Amino acid sequence: MKKNLFLLLLLCAPLTLAGDTVSTPEPATFLLLGTGLAGMGLAAWLRKRKS
């Protein structure tokens, strides 16, 4: 669980190239975050359902 949280925080951190912050449009950020969280929730639900 801690590994997944670390990866999530790492992916959500702003990307930097040579010290400059790369901006990402907010709607795309929320869409990607929501899709990722939904996928993780679905995977956990399927794993729990199988056991």
C-alpha atoms as a PDB file:
ATOM      1  CA  MET A   1       0.000   0.000   0.000  1.00  0.00           C
ATOM      2  CA  LYS A   2       2.815   2.402   0.850  1.00  0.00           C
ATOM      3  CA  LYS A   3       4.469   1.665  -2.492  1.00  0.00           C
ATOM      4  CA  ASN A   4       1.275   2.545  -4.375  1.00  0.00           C
ATOM      5  CA  LEU A   5       0.897   5.786  -2.420  1.00  0.00           C
ATOM      6  CA  PHE A   6       4.511   6.718  -3.162  1.00  0.00           C
ATOM      7  CA  LEU A   7       3.987   6.068  -6.876  1.00  0.00           C
ATOM      8  CA  LEU A   8       0.784   8.120  -6.862  1.00  0.00           C
ATOM      9  CA  LEU A   9       2.543  11.055  -5.194  1.00  0.00           C
ATOM     10  CA  LEU A  10       5.464  10.736  -7.585  1.00  0.00           C
ATOM     11  CA  LEU A  11       3.161  10.827 -10.607  1.00  0.00           C
ATOM     12  CA  CYS A  12       1.206  13.792  -9.256  1.00  0.00           C
ATOM     13  CA  ALA A  13       4.346  15.850  -8.615  1.00  0.00           C
ATOM     14  CA  PRO A  14       4.997  18.583 -11.183  1.00  0.00           C
ATOM     15  CA  LEU A  15       7.360  17.567 -13.957  1.00  0.00           C
ATOM     16  CA  THR A  16      10.515  19.620 -14.221  1.00  0.00           C
ATOM     17  CA  LEU A  17      12.961  20.037 -17.059  1.00  0.00           C
ATOM     18  CA  ALA A  18      16.181  21.876 -16.217  1.00  0.00           C
ATOM     19  CA  GLY A  19      14.510  23.563 -13.234  1.00  0.00           C
ATOM     20  CA  ASP A  20      11.518  24.885 -15.200  1.00  0.00           C
ATOM     21  CA  THR A  21       8.049  23.731 -14.208  1.00  0.00           C
ATOM     22  CA  VAL A  22       6.033  22.253 -17.048  1.00  0.00           C
ATOM     23  CA  SER A  23       2.398  23.274 -16.799  1.00  0.00           C
ATOM     24  CA  THR A  24      -0.387  20.834 -17.609  1.00  0.00           C
ATOM     25  CA  PRO A  25      -3.914  21.960 -18.393  1.00  0.00           C
ATOM     26  CA  GLU A  26      -6.122  21.351 -15.347  1.00  0.00           C
ATOM     27  CA  PRO A  27      -9.013  19.499 -17.054  1.00  0.00           C
ATOM     28  CA  ALA A  28      -6.575  16.926 -18.449  1.00  0.00           C
ATOM     29  CA  THR A  29      -4.936  16.525 -15.034  1.00  0.00           C
ATOM     30  CA  PHE A  30      -8.244  15.823 -13.312  1.00  0.00           C
ATOM     31  CA  LEU A  31      -9.327  13.437 -16.065  1.00  0.00           C
ATOM     32  CA  LEU A  32      -6.099  11.435 -15.838  1.00  0.00           C
ATOM     33  CA  LEU A  33      -6.177  11.378 -12.040  1.00  0.00           C
ATOM     34  CA  GLY A  34      -9.819  10.295 -11.995  1.00  0.00           C
ATOM     35  CA  THR A  35      -9.210   7.579 -14.579  1.00  0.00           C
ATOM     36  CA  GLY A  36      -6.224   6.266 -12.631  1.00  0.00           C
ATOM     37  CA  LEU A  37      -8.089   6.222  -9.333  1.00  0.00           C
ATOM     38  CA  ALA A  38     -11.090   4.510 -10.940  1.00  0.00           C
ATOM     39  CA  GLY A  39      -8.788   1.884 -12.455  1.00  0.00           C
ATOM     40  CA  MET A  40      -7.099   1.239  -9.130  1.00  0.00           C
ATOM     41  CA  GLY A  41     -10.489   0.961  -7.430  1.00  0.00           C
ATOM     42  CA  LEU A  42     -11.745  -1.466 -10.076  1.00  0.00           C
ATOM     43  CA  ALA A  43      -8.608  -3.593  -9.769  1.00  0.00           C
ATOM     44  CA  ALA A  44      -8.973  -3.728  -5.975  1.00  0.00           C
ATOM     45  CA  TRP A  45     -12.668  -4.619  -6.263  1.00  0.00           C
ATOM     46  CA  LEU A  46     -11.955  -7.411  -8.751  1.00  0.00           C
ATOM     47  CA  ARG A  47      -9.135  -8.767  -6.576  1.00  0.00           C
ATOM     48  CA  LYS A  48     -11.381  -8.728  -3.497  1.00  0.00           C
ATOM     49  CA  ARG A  49     -14.224 -10.365  -5.434  1.00  0.00           C
ATOM     50  CA  LYS A  50     -12.005 -13.250  -6.607  1.00  0.00           C
ATOM     51  CA  SER A  51     -10.813 -14.109  -3.111  1.00  0.00           C
END
